[in-house]
């Protein structure tokens, strides 16, 4: 199948796509540059897919499996990723403004130079995530799990931060992050 065939398959029937993926797990899927804005892709299996420069503005990806996916340069403004599996995903220069990542699994993700401003991260799992130069301004991090995460030079100004778990996390030069949020936090160096 070529990329266009994959795309048509994906758009027409999520259940059929997922069945096909389960029967062909060895096939490398590259959907780079595709526009899927506004689509209902609830429960879609895009695990391990190359999704460079994909546009998914306002799409429903609730319960989606994007584990090990590479979302470099993608636009996910206003996307619903609630309860999604994004474990080990790569977000490099990815835009997730106003996206809902509540209760999503972002364990061991790499998040670099991305935009999570105004995103909702309620009870989101970011355990062992590497977060570098990322904008979380005005985001809601409520009961978010950041244990063992490395947060470097990221912006949390005007973010709502409440009840987060930072056990053994490392936070370096991240404006807007509250001082001493957890007695178990490994180290915090703030630069305003």
N, C-alpha and C. Protein backbone atom coordinates (compact mmCIF):
# COMPACT_ATOMS: atom_id res chain seq x y z
N UNK A 1 0.84 -1.18 0.00
CA UNK A 1 0.00 0.00 0.00
C UNK A 1 0.88 1.24 0.00
N UNK A 2 0.49 2.27 -0.74
CA UNK A 2 1.23 3.52 -0.67
C UNK A 2 0.58 4.44 0.36
N UNK A 3 1.20 5.58 0.64
CA UNK A 3 0.71 6.48 1.68
C UNK A 3 -0.73 6.94 1.43
N UNK A 4 -1.07 7.20 0.18
CA UNK A 4 -2.43 7.64 -0.13
C UNK A 4 -3.44 6.54 0.22
N UNK A 5 -3.10 5.30 -0.08
CA UNK A 5 -3.99 4.18 0.26
C UNK A 5 -4.15 4.06 1.77
N UNK A 6 -3.03 4.19 2.51
CA UNK A 6 -3.10 4.16 3.97
C UNK A 6 -4.05 5.24 4.47
N UNK A 7 -3.89 6.44 3.92
CA UNK A 7 -4.69 7.58 4.36
C UNK A 7 -6.18 7.34 4.12
N UNK A 8 -6.53 6.86 2.95
CA UNK A 8 -7.94 6.60 2.65
C UNK A 8 -8.50 5.52 3.57
N UNK A 9 -7.70 4.53 3.82
CA UNK A 9 -8.09 3.44 4.71
C UNK A 9 -8.35 3.98 6.12
N UNK A 10 -7.44 4.82 6.58
CA UNK A 10 -7.52 5.40 7.92
C UNK A 10 -8.76 6.27 8.07
N UNK A 11 -9.02 7.13 7.10
CA UNK A 11 -10.14 8.06 7.17
C UNK A 11 -11.48 7.33 7.12
N UNK A 12 -11.57 6.31 6.30
CA UNK A 12 -12.85 5.65 6.07
C UNK A 12 -13.34 4.78 7.22
N UNK A 13 -12.43 4.14 7.95
CA UNK A 13 -12.90 3.21 8.96
C UNK A 13 -11.79 2.91 9.97
N UNK A 14 -11.90 3.50 11.15
CA UNK A 14 -10.88 3.33 12.19
C UNK A 14 -10.79 1.86 12.61
N UNK A 15 -11.92 1.20 12.79
CA UNK A 15 -11.90 -0.21 13.21
C UNK A 15 -11.22 -1.09 12.16
N UNK A 16 -11.49 -0.83 10.91
CA UNK A 16 -10.86 -1.60 9.82
C UNK A 16 -9.35 -1.33 9.79
N UNK A 17 -8.97 -0.06 9.97
CA UNK A 17 -7.56 0.32 10.02
C UNK A 17 -6.86 -0.43 11.15
N UNK A 18 -7.47 -0.40 12.34
CA UNK A 18 -6.87 -1.05 13.50
C UNK A 18 -6.74 -2.56 13.28
N UNK A 19 -7.72 -3.16 12.64
CA UNK A 19 -7.65 -4.59 12.34
C UNK A 19 -6.48 -4.86 11.39
N UNK A 20 -6.38 -4.05 10.34
CA UNK A 20 -5.28 -4.20 9.39
C UNK A 20 -3.93 -4.05 10.09
N UNK A 21 -3.82 -3.03 10.97
CA UNK A 21 -2.56 -2.82 11.72
C UNK A 21 -2.22 -4.03 12.58
N UNK A 22 -3.22 -4.63 13.21
CA UNK A 22 -2.97 -5.80 14.07
C UNK A 22 -2.47 -7.00 13.26
N UNK A 23 -2.84 -7.07 12.00
CA UNK A 23 -2.41 -8.17 11.13
C UNK A 23 -1.08 -7.89 10.44
N UNK A 24 -0.66 -6.62 10.42
CA UNK A 24 0.58 -6.22 9.74
C UNK A 24 1.43 -5.31 10.63
N UNK A 25 1.81 -5.76 11.82
CA UNK A 25 2.56 -4.89 12.73
C UNK A 25 3.96 -4.54 12.23
N UNK A 26 4.48 -5.32 11.28
CA UNK A 26 5.84 -5.09 10.78
C UNK A 26 5.91 -3.97 9.75
N UNK A 27 4.77 -3.52 9.24
CA UNK A 27 4.75 -2.50 8.19
C UNK A 27 5.02 -1.13 8.80
N UNK A 28 6.04 -0.44 8.26
CA UNK A 28 6.36 0.91 8.71
C UNK A 28 5.44 1.89 8.00
N UNK A 29 4.73 2.68 8.78
CA UNK A 29 3.76 3.63 8.22
C UNK A 29 4.34 5.04 8.30
N UNK A 30 4.41 5.71 7.16
CA UNK A 30 4.86 7.10 7.09
C UNK A 30 3.72 7.94 6.53
N UNK A 31 3.10 8.72 7.42
CA UNK A 31 2.00 9.60 7.02
C UNK A 31 2.43 11.06 7.09
N UNK A 32 3.71 11.32 6.95
CA UNK A 32 4.24 12.68 7.05
C UNK A 32 3.54 13.62 6.08
N UNK A 33 3.24 14.83 6.59
CA UNK A 33 2.66 15.87 5.77
C UNK A 33 1.16 15.76 5.53
N UNK A 34 0.52 14.75 6.08
CA UNK A 34 -0.90 14.53 5.85
C UNK A 34 -1.73 15.52 6.68
N UNK A 35 -2.87 15.96 6.14
CA UNK A 35 -3.80 16.82 6.88
C UNK A 35 -5.04 16.00 7.23
N UNK A 36 -5.30 15.88 8.53
CA UNK A 36 -6.46 15.15 9.04
C UNK A 36 -7.22 16.01 10.04
N UNK A 37 -7.28 17.30 9.81
CA UNK A 37 -7.94 18.21 10.74
C UNK A 37 -9.43 17.92 10.82
N UNK A 38 -9.94 17.92 12.07
CA UNK A 38 -11.36 17.76 12.31
C UNK A 38 -11.90 16.35 12.20
N UNK A 39 -11.05 15.36 11.98
CA UNK A 39 -11.52 13.98 11.85
C UNK A 39 -11.76 13.33 13.21
N UNK A 40 -12.70 12.40 13.25
CA UNK A 40 -12.94 11.59 14.43
C UNK A 40 -12.14 10.31 14.29
N UNK A 41 -11.00 10.26 14.97
CA UNK A 41 -10.10 9.11 14.90
C UNK A 41 -9.99 8.43 16.26
N UNK A 42 -11.09 8.45 17.01
CA UNK A 42 -11.09 7.87 18.35
C UNK A 42 -10.66 6.41 18.30
N UNK A 43 -9.66 6.08 19.14
CA UNK A 43 -9.17 4.72 19.25
C UNK A 43 -8.24 4.26 18.14
N UNK A 44 -7.81 5.16 17.27
CA UNK A 44 -6.95 4.80 16.14
C UNK A 44 -5.59 4.30 16.63
N UNK A 45 -5.04 3.31 15.95
CA UNK A 45 -3.71 2.79 16.28
C UNK A 45 -2.70 3.37 15.29
N UNK A 46 -1.97 4.38 15.75
CA UNK A 46 -0.90 4.98 14.96
C UNK A 46 0.45 4.73 15.63
N UNK A 47 0.53 3.66 16.40
CA UNK A 47 1.77 3.37 17.12
C UNK A 47 2.92 3.15 16.15
N UNK A 48 4.05 3.75 16.48
CA UNK A 48 5.25 3.59 15.67
C UNK A 48 5.24 4.31 14.34
N UNK A 49 4.21 5.08 14.06
CA UNK A 49 4.11 5.77 12.76
C UNK A 49 4.99 7.01 12.71
N UNK A 50 5.49 7.30 11.53
CA UNK A 50 6.20 8.55 11.28
C UNK A 50 5.14 9.57 10.89
N UNK A 51 4.98 10.60 11.72
CA UNK A 51 3.93 11.60 11.53
C UNK A 51 4.53 13.00 11.46
N UNK A 52 5.63 13.16 10.76
CA UNK A 52 6.29 14.46 10.64
C UNK A 52 5.37 15.44 9.90
N UNK A 53 5.19 16.61 10.49
CA UNK A 53 4.45 17.67 9.82
C UNK A 53 2.98 17.37 9.59
N UNK A 54 2.42 16.44 10.34
CA UNK A 54 1.00 16.11 10.20
C UNK A 54 0.16 17.23 10.81
N UNK A 55 -0.97 17.55 10.18
CA UNK A 55 -1.91 18.55 10.70
C UNK A 55 -3.16 17.83 11.16
N UNK A 56 -3.43 17.92 12.46
CA UNK A 56 -4.59 17.26 13.07
C UNK A 56 -5.43 18.26 13.87
N UNK A 57 -5.49 19.50 13.45
CA UNK A 57 -6.16 20.55 14.21
C UNK A 57 -7.60 20.14 14.51
N UNK A 58 -7.96 20.17 15.81
CA UNK A 58 -9.33 19.90 16.24
C UNK A 58 -9.80 18.47 16.07
N UNK A 59 -8.91 17.54 15.83
CA UNK A 59 -9.31 16.14 15.63
C UNK A 59 -9.55 15.45 16.97
N UNK A 60 -10.35 14.39 16.93
CA UNK A 60 -10.61 13.58 18.10
C UNK A 60 -9.72 12.35 18.05
N UNK A 61 -8.75 12.31 18.96
CA UNK A 61 -7.84 11.16 19.07
C UNK A 61 -7.97 10.53 20.45
N UNK A 62 -9.15 10.63 21.03
CA UNK A 62 -9.40 10.05 22.34
C UNK A 62 -9.14 8.54 22.25
N UNK A 63 -8.47 8.00 23.25
CA UNK A 63 -8.11 6.58 23.32
C UNK A 63 -7.16 6.14 22.20
N UNK A 64 -6.59 7.07 21.45
CA UNK A 64 -5.69 6.71 20.35
C UNK A 64 -4.38 6.12 20.88
N UNK A 65 -3.78 5.25 20.08
CA UNK A 65 -2.47 4.68 20.41
C UNK A 65 -1.43 5.34 19.50
N UNK A 66 -0.66 6.24 20.08
CA UNK A 66 0.43 6.92 19.37
C UNK A 66 1.77 6.58 20.03
N UNK A 67 1.82 5.44 20.71
CA UNK A 67 3.07 5.06 21.36
C UNK A 67 4.16 4.89 20.31
N UNK A 68 5.35 5.37 20.63
CA UNK A 68 6.52 5.29 19.75
C UNK A 68 6.34 6.06 18.43
N UNK A 69 5.32 6.90 18.34
CA UNK A 69 5.11 7.70 17.12
C UNK A 69 6.05 8.90 17.14
N UNK A 70 6.44 9.36 15.97
CA UNK A 70 7.29 10.54 15.84
C UNK A 70 6.44 11.67 15.26
N UNK A 71 6.12 12.64 16.11
CA UNK A 71 5.24 13.76 15.74
C UNK A 71 6.03 15.04 15.50
N UNK A 72 7.24 14.93 15.04
CA UNK A 72 8.10 16.08 14.78
C UNK A 72 7.41 17.07 13.84
N UNK A 73 7.36 18.33 14.29
CA UNK A 73 6.82 19.40 13.45
C UNK A 73 5.33 19.32 13.17
N UNK A 74 4.61 18.54 13.94
CA UNK A 74 3.17 18.37 13.69
C UNK A 74 2.35 19.45 14.38
N UNK A 75 1.15 19.69 13.85
CA UNK A 75 0.23 20.68 14.40
C UNK A 75 -0.99 19.97 14.96
N UNK A 76 -1.09 19.96 16.28
CA UNK A 76 -2.19 19.31 16.97
C UNK A 76 -2.97 20.31 17.83
N UNK A 77 -3.18 21.49 17.33
CA UNK A 77 -3.91 22.52 18.08
C UNK A 77 -5.33 22.02 18.34
N UNK A 78 -5.75 22.10 19.62
CA UNK A 78 -7.11 21.76 19.99
C UNK A 78 -7.49 20.30 19.83
N UNK A 79 -6.51 19.42 19.79
CA UNK A 79 -6.78 17.99 19.62
C UNK A 79 -7.20 17.36 20.94
N UNK A 80 -8.14 16.43 20.88
CA UNK A 80 -8.54 15.67 22.05
C UNK A 80 -7.74 14.38 22.09
N UNK A 81 -6.76 14.32 23.00
CA UNK A 81 -5.93 13.13 23.19
C UNK A 81 -6.22 12.48 24.54
N UNK A 82 -7.39 12.77 25.09
CA UNK A 82 -7.75 12.26 26.41
C UNK A 82 -7.66 10.73 26.41
N UNK A 83 -7.03 10.20 27.45
CA UNK A 83 -6.86 8.75 27.63
C UNK A 83 -6.06 8.09 26.51
N UNK A 84 -5.29 8.89 25.79
CA UNK A 84 -4.46 8.35 24.71
C UNK A 84 -3.17 7.73 25.22
N UNK A 85 -2.60 6.83 24.43
CA UNK A 85 -1.32 6.22 24.75
C UNK A 85 -0.26 6.84 23.85
N UNK A 86 0.56 7.71 24.44
CA UNK A 86 1.63 8.37 23.70
C UNK A 86 2.99 7.99 24.29
N UNK A 87 3.04 6.88 24.94
CA UNK A 87 4.27 6.41 25.59
C UNK A 87 5.41 6.35 24.57
N UNK A 88 6.57 6.89 24.95
CA UNK A 88 7.77 6.89 24.11
C UNK A 88 7.61 7.65 22.80
N UNK A 89 6.63 8.52 22.72
CA UNK A 89 6.45 9.32 21.50
C UNK A 89 7.48 10.45 21.47
N UNK A 90 7.70 11.00 20.29
CA UNK A 90 8.63 12.12 20.12
C UNK A 90 7.84 13.34 19.69
N UNK A 91 7.97 14.42 20.48
CA UNK A 91 7.37 15.71 20.16
C UNK A 91 8.52 16.70 19.99
N UNK A 92 8.91 16.98 18.78
CA UNK A 92 9.95 17.96 18.50
C UNK A 92 9.32 19.05 17.64
N UNK A 93 9.32 20.28 18.20
CA UNK A 93 8.69 21.42 17.52
C UNK A 93 7.24 21.09 17.14
N UNK A 94 6.56 20.43 18.06
CA UNK A 94 5.17 20.04 17.88
C UNK A 94 4.27 21.05 18.59
N UNK A 95 3.15 21.39 17.96
CA UNK A 95 2.22 22.36 18.54
C UNK A 95 1.00 21.62 19.08
N UNK A 96 0.79 21.75 20.40
CA UNK A 96 -0.36 21.14 21.06
C UNK A 96 -1.16 22.19 21.84
N UNK A 97 -1.17 23.42 21.37
CA UNK A 97 -1.91 24.48 22.06
C UNK A 97 -3.37 24.06 22.23
N UNK A 98 -3.91 24.36 23.43
CA UNK A 98 -5.32 24.12 23.74
C UNK A 98 -5.75 22.65 23.56
N UNK A 99 -4.81 21.74 23.56
CA UNK A 99 -5.15 20.32 23.42
C UNK A 99 -5.50 19.72 24.77
N UNK A 100 -6.33 18.68 24.75
CA UNK A 100 -6.71 17.98 25.97
C UNK A 100 -5.92 16.68 26.05
N UNK A 101 -4.99 16.63 27.01
CA UNK A 101 -4.18 15.44 27.23
C UNK A 101 -4.51 14.81 28.59
N UNK A 102 -5.72 15.05 29.08
CA UNK A 102 -6.13 14.52 30.38
C UNK A 102 -6.05 13.00 30.40
N UNK A 103 -5.46 12.48 31.46
CA UNK A 103 -5.33 11.05 31.71
C UNK A 103 -4.60 10.30 30.59
N UNK A 104 -3.83 11.04 29.80
CA UNK A 104 -3.05 10.41 28.73
C UNK A 104 -1.73 9.86 29.28
N UNK A 105 -1.19 8.86 28.60
CA UNK A 105 0.07 8.23 28.98
C UNK A 105 1.18 8.81 28.10
N UNK A 106 1.99 9.68 28.69
CA UNK A 106 3.14 10.25 28.00
C UNK A 106 4.43 9.82 28.69
N UNK A 107 4.43 8.64 29.26
CA UNK A 107 5.59 8.11 29.97
C UNK A 107 6.75 7.97 28.98
N UNK A 108 7.92 8.44 29.41
CA UNK A 108 9.17 8.35 28.64
C UNK A 108 9.10 9.05 27.28
N UNK A 109 8.25 10.06 27.16
CA UNK A 109 8.22 10.83 25.91
C UNK A 109 9.39 11.79 25.86
N UNK A 110 9.74 12.20 24.66
CA UNK A 110 10.73 13.25 24.45
C UNK A 110 9.97 14.44 23.91
N UNK A 111 9.99 15.53 24.67
CA UNK A 111 9.26 16.74 24.30
C UNK A 111 10.28 17.87 24.21
N UNK A 112 10.53 18.36 23.02
CA UNK A 112 11.59 19.33 22.79
C UNK A 112 11.08 20.48 21.93
N UNK A 113 11.29 21.71 22.43
CA UNK A 113 10.93 22.93 21.70
C UNK A 113 9.50 22.87 21.16
N UNK A 114 8.59 22.37 21.99
CA UNK A 114 7.20 22.23 21.59
C UNK A 114 6.32 23.24 22.31
N UNK A 115 5.06 23.34 21.90
CA UNK A 115 4.13 24.32 22.45
C UNK A 115 2.91 23.61 23.03
N UNK A 116 2.87 23.55 24.38
CA UNK A 116 1.74 22.99 25.10
C UNK A 116 0.96 24.11 25.80
N UNK A 117 1.07 25.34 25.30
CA UNK A 117 0.39 26.45 25.96
C UNK A 117 -1.12 26.23 25.95
N UNK A 118 -1.73 26.54 27.09
CA UNK A 118 -3.18 26.41 27.30
C UNK A 118 -3.68 24.96 27.17
N UNK A 119 -2.77 24.00 27.19
CA UNK A 119 -3.18 22.59 27.13
C UNK A 119 -3.68 22.14 28.50
N UNK A 120 -4.52 21.13 28.51
CA UNK A 120 -5.04 20.55 29.75
C UNK A 120 -4.33 19.22 29.97
N UNK A 121 -3.60 19.14 31.09
CA UNK A 121 -2.85 17.94 31.43
C UNK A 121 -3.32 17.44 32.80
N UNK A 122 -4.58 17.14 32.92
CA UNK A 122 -5.18 16.67 34.17
C UNK A 122 -4.90 15.17 34.32
N UNK A 123 -4.20 14.83 35.40
CA UNK A 123 -3.82 13.44 35.68
C UNK A 123 -3.06 12.78 34.52
N UNK A 124 -2.31 13.58 33.81
CA UNK A 124 -1.49 13.08 32.71
C UNK A 124 -0.24 12.42 33.27
N UNK A 125 0.17 11.31 32.68
CA UNK A 125 1.37 10.58 33.10
C UNK A 125 2.55 11.04 32.25
N UNK A 126 3.47 11.79 32.87
CA UNK A 126 4.69 12.24 32.20
C UNK A 126 5.92 11.69 32.93
N UNK A 127 5.77 10.53 33.51
CA UNK A 127 6.85 9.91 34.28
C UNK A 127 8.03 9.61 33.35
N UNK A 128 9.22 9.98 33.80
CA UNK A 128 10.48 9.79 33.06
C UNK A 128 10.50 10.49 31.70
N UNK A 129 9.65 11.49 31.53
CA UNK A 129 9.67 12.27 30.29
C UNK A 129 10.87 13.21 30.28
N UNK A 130 11.36 13.51 29.10
CA UNK A 130 12.40 14.51 28.92
C UNK A 130 11.75 15.70 28.25
N UNK A 131 11.73 16.83 28.97
CA UNK A 131 11.04 18.03 28.49
C UNK A 131 12.06 19.16 28.40
N UNK A 132 12.28 19.68 27.20
CA UNK A 132 13.32 20.67 26.96
C UNK A 132 12.77 21.83 26.15
N UNK A 133 12.98 23.05 26.66
CA UNK A 133 12.58 24.28 25.96
C UNK A 133 11.15 24.20 25.42
N UNK A 134 10.23 23.81 26.28
CA UNK A 134 8.84 23.66 25.87
C UNK A 134 7.97 24.67 26.61
N UNK A 135 6.97 25.19 25.92
CA UNK A 135 6.08 26.22 26.45
C UNK A 135 4.82 25.58 27.05
N UNK A 136 4.70 25.70 28.38
CA UNK A 136 3.50 25.26 29.09
C UNK A 136 2.76 26.46 29.68
N UNK A 137 2.98 27.66 29.13
CA UNK A 137 2.33 28.85 29.68
C UNK A 137 0.81 28.70 29.59
N UNK A 138 0.15 29.09 30.66
CA UNK A 138 -1.31 29.05 30.78
C UNK A 138 -1.87 27.62 30.70
N UNK A 139 -1.02 26.62 30.75
CA UNK A 139 -1.51 25.23 30.73
C UNK A 139 -2.05 24.86 32.11
N UNK A 140 -2.83 23.80 32.16
CA UNK A 140 -3.36 23.29 33.42
C UNK A 140 -2.71 21.96 33.72
N UNK A 141 -1.83 21.96 34.72
CA UNK A 141 -1.18 20.73 35.17
C UNK A 141 -1.74 20.41 36.54
N UNK A 142 -2.79 19.63 36.59
CA UNK A 142 -3.48 19.31 37.83
C UNK A 142 -3.39 17.80 38.05
N UNK A 143 -2.83 17.43 39.20
CA UNK A 143 -2.61 16.02 39.53
C UNK A 143 -1.80 15.30 38.44
N UNK A 144 -0.92 16.04 37.81
CA UNK A 144 -0.07 15.50 36.75
C UNK A 144 1.11 14.76 37.38
N UNK A 145 1.50 13.64 36.80
CA UNK A 145 2.57 12.81 37.34
C UNK A 145 3.84 13.04 36.53
N UNK A 146 4.84 13.67 37.18
CA UNK A 146 6.10 14.00 36.53
C UNK A 146 7.28 13.33 37.24
N UNK A 147 7.04 12.24 37.92
CA UNK A 147 8.10 11.54 38.64
C UNK A 147 9.24 11.16 37.71
N UNK A 148 10.46 11.41 38.15
CA UNK A 148 11.69 11.11 37.42
C UNK A 148 11.79 11.84 36.08
N UNK A 149 10.96 12.85 35.86
CA UNK A 149 11.04 13.62 34.62
C UNK A 149 12.22 14.59 34.68
N UNK A 150 12.74 14.93 33.52
CA UNK A 150 13.77 15.96 33.39
C UNK A 150 13.14 17.13 32.66
N UNK A 151 13.01 18.26 33.36
CA UNK A 151 12.36 19.44 32.79
C UNK A 151 13.41 20.54 32.72
N UNK A 152 13.81 20.89 31.51
CA UNK A 152 14.92 21.82 31.31
C UNK A 152 14.47 23.02 30.50
N UNK A 153 14.74 24.21 31.03
CA UNK A 153 14.50 25.48 30.34
C UNK A 153 13.13 25.55 29.67
N UNK A 154 12.10 25.13 30.39
CA UNK A 154 10.73 25.17 29.86
C UNK A 154 9.95 26.27 30.57
N UNK A 155 8.94 26.79 29.90
CA UNK A 155 8.17 27.93 30.40
C UNK A 155 6.85 27.47 31.00
N UNK A 156 6.66 27.76 32.29
CA UNK A 156 5.43 27.43 32.99
C UNK A 156 4.74 28.69 33.51
N UNK A 157 5.06 29.85 32.93
CA UNK A 157 4.48 31.09 33.41
C UNK A 157 2.97 31.09 33.21
N UNK A 158 2.26 31.53 34.27
CA UNK A 158 0.80 31.60 34.30
C UNK A 158 0.12 30.24 34.14
N UNK A 159 0.85 29.17 34.35
CA UNK A 159 0.24 27.84 34.30
C UNK A 159 -0.43 27.55 35.64
N UNK A 160 -1.49 26.77 35.60
CA UNK A 160 -2.14 26.30 36.82
C UNK A 160 -1.46 24.99 37.19
N UNK A 161 -0.75 25.00 38.33
CA UNK A 161 -0.01 23.82 38.76
C UNK A 161 -0.51 23.45 40.15
N UNK A 162 -1.16 22.29 40.26
CA UNK A 162 -1.75 21.90 41.53
C UNK A 162 -1.72 20.37 41.68
N UNK A 163 -1.22 19.91 42.81
CA UNK A 163 -1.25 18.49 43.13
C UNK A 163 -0.37 17.63 42.24
N UNK A 164 0.69 18.20 41.68
CA UNK A 164 1.54 17.42 40.77
C UNK A 164 2.52 16.55 41.56
N UNK A 165 2.90 15.46 40.97
CA UNK A 165 3.86 14.52 41.56
C UNK A 165 5.20 14.73 40.87
N UNK A 166 6.18 15.21 41.65
CA UNK A 166 7.51 15.48 41.11
C UNK A 166 8.59 14.63 41.78
N UNK A 167 8.22 13.50 42.31
CA UNK A 167 9.21 12.68 43.00
C UNK A 167 10.37 12.33 42.07
N UNK A 168 11.56 12.65 42.53
CA UNK A 168 12.82 12.37 41.84
C UNK A 168 12.91 13.03 40.46
N UNK A 169 12.18 14.12 40.28
CA UNK A 169 12.26 14.88 39.02
C UNK A 169 13.41 15.87 39.10
N UNK A 170 13.89 16.30 37.96
CA UNK A 170 14.91 17.33 37.86
C UNK A 170 14.33 18.48 37.05
N UNK A 171 14.34 19.68 37.65
CA UNK A 171 13.79 20.86 36.97
C UNK A 171 14.87 21.92 36.95
N UNK A 172 15.26 22.37 35.77
CA UNK A 172 16.34 23.34 35.63
C UNK A 172 15.88 24.52 34.79
N UNK A 173 16.06 25.72 35.34
CA UNK A 173 15.76 26.97 34.63
C UNK A 173 14.42 26.94 33.91
N UNK A 174 13.36 26.78 34.69
CA UNK A 174 12.01 26.73 34.12
C UNK A 174 11.14 27.79 34.78
N UNK A 175 11.04 29.00 34.18
CA UNK A 175 10.28 30.09 34.77
C UNK A 175 8.81 29.73 34.97
N UNK A 176 8.30 30.17 36.12
CA UNK A 176 6.91 29.95 36.43
C UNK A 176 6.66 28.69 37.23
N UNK A 177 7.68 27.85 37.37
CA UNK A 177 7.50 26.63 38.14
C UNK A 177 7.59 27.00 39.61
N UNK A 178 6.65 26.54 40.44
CA UNK A 178 6.67 26.92 41.85
C UNK A 178 7.87 26.33 42.57
N UNK A 179 8.46 27.08 43.51
CA UNK A 179 9.61 26.56 44.25
C UNK A 179 9.20 25.44 45.20
N UNK A 180 10.08 24.47 45.35
CA UNK A 180 9.93 23.35 46.28
C UNK A 180 8.54 22.72 46.24
N UNK A 181 8.09 22.24 45.07
CA UNK A 181 6.76 21.66 45.00
C UNK A 181 6.64 20.29 45.67
N UNK A 182 7.76 19.62 45.91
CA UNK A 182 7.70 18.29 46.50
C UNK A 182 8.98 18.03 47.29
N UNK A 183 8.85 17.46 48.48
CA UNK A 183 10.06 17.14 49.24
C UNK A 183 10.90 16.05 48.59
N UNK A 184 10.34 15.33 47.65
CA UNK A 184 11.06 14.25 46.99
C UNK A 184 11.69 14.67 45.67
N UNK A 185 11.46 15.91 45.29
CA UNK A 185 11.99 16.39 44.02
C UNK A 185 13.51 16.41 44.10
N UNK A 186 14.16 15.86 43.11
CA UNK A 186 15.61 15.71 43.10
C UNK A 186 16.32 17.06 43.18
N UNK A 187 15.97 17.96 42.28
CA UNK A 187 16.57 19.28 42.32
C UNK A 187 15.76 20.25 41.49
N UNK A 188 15.76 21.50 41.91
CA UNK A 188 15.08 22.55 41.16
C UNK A 188 16.00 23.75 41.09
N UNK A 189 16.25 24.24 39.90
CA UNK A 189 17.00 25.46 39.70
C UNK A 189 16.12 26.37 38.86
N UNK A 190 15.67 27.45 39.45
CA UNK A 190 14.77 28.35 38.74
C UNK A 190 15.51 29.59 38.29
N UNK A 191 15.18 30.05 37.11
CA UNK A 191 15.75 31.26 36.57
C UNK A 191 14.61 32.11 36.04
N UNK A 192 14.43 33.28 36.59
CA UNK A 192 13.32 34.13 36.15
C UNK A 192 13.80 35.27 35.30
